[in-house]
């Protein structure tokens, strides 16, 4: 199971780690989307 979310949600990595997810990378924010601040996407995964 994979999750992708915006890095400004700083509480989410710890929340998902409690359910067995591990951080495994980052992606650039989509170029076709507008962000008011610099952001990127975090990826987390776990085996089902």
Protein backbone atom coordinates (compact mmCIF):
# COMPACT_ATOMS: atom_id res chain seq x y z
CA UNK A 1 0.00 0.00 0.00
CA UNK A 2 1.44 3.36 -1.01
CA UNK A 3 0.64 6.87 0.24
CA UNK A 4 1.63 10.20 -1.24
CA UNK A 5 1.01 13.51 0.52
CA UNK A 6 2.27 17.09 0.66
CA UNK A 7 5.23 17.68 2.99
CA UNK A 8 3.57 20.63 4.76
CA UNK A 9 1.37 18.13 6.63
CA UNK A 10 4.17 17.54 9.15
CA UNK A 11 2.02 15.42 11.45
CA UNK A 12 1.29 12.77 8.84
CA UNK A 13 4.60 10.83 8.70
CA UNK A 14 4.46 10.02 12.44
CA UNK A 15 0.77 9.17 12.19
CA UNK A 16 1.27 6.69 9.35
CA UNK A 17 4.41 5.20 10.93
CA UNK A 18 2.18 4.01 13.79
CA UNK A 19 0.35 1.88 11.22
CA UNK A 20 3.51 0.34 9.79
CA UNK A 21 4.26 2.72 6.93
CA UNK A 22 7.85 3.71 6.18
CA UNK A 23 9.00 6.78 4.27
CA UNK A 24 10.58 5.76 0.99
CA UNK A 25 11.03 8.84 -1.12
CA UNK A 26 9.87 12.21 -2.36
CA UNK A 27 8.45 13.57 -5.58
CA UNK A 28 8.33 17.09 -6.98
CA UNK A 29 5.00 18.90 -6.70
CA UNK A 30 3.09 18.55 -10.00
CA UNK A 31 3.99 21.35 -12.40
CA UNK A 32 0.35 21.78 -13.44
CA UNK A 33 -0.69 22.59 -9.83
CA UNK A 34 -0.26 25.96 -8.11
CA UNK A 35 1.29 26.15 -4.64
CA UNK A 36 1.65 29.35 -2.63
CA UNK A 37 4.74 28.02 -0.84
CA UNK A 38 7.52 25.66 -1.98
CA UNK A 39 6.31 22.09 -1.42
CA UNK A 40 7.07 18.54 -2.49
CA UNK A 41 5.33 15.20 -2.07
CA UNK A 42 6.36 12.51 0.39
CA UNK A 43 5.88 8.82 -0.31
CA UNK A 44 5.29 6.14 2.32
CA UNK A 45 4.63 2.41 1.86
CA UNK A 46 3.87 -0.77 3.73
CA UNK A 47 3.40 -4.39 2.78
CA UNK A 48 -0.11 -5.78 3.08
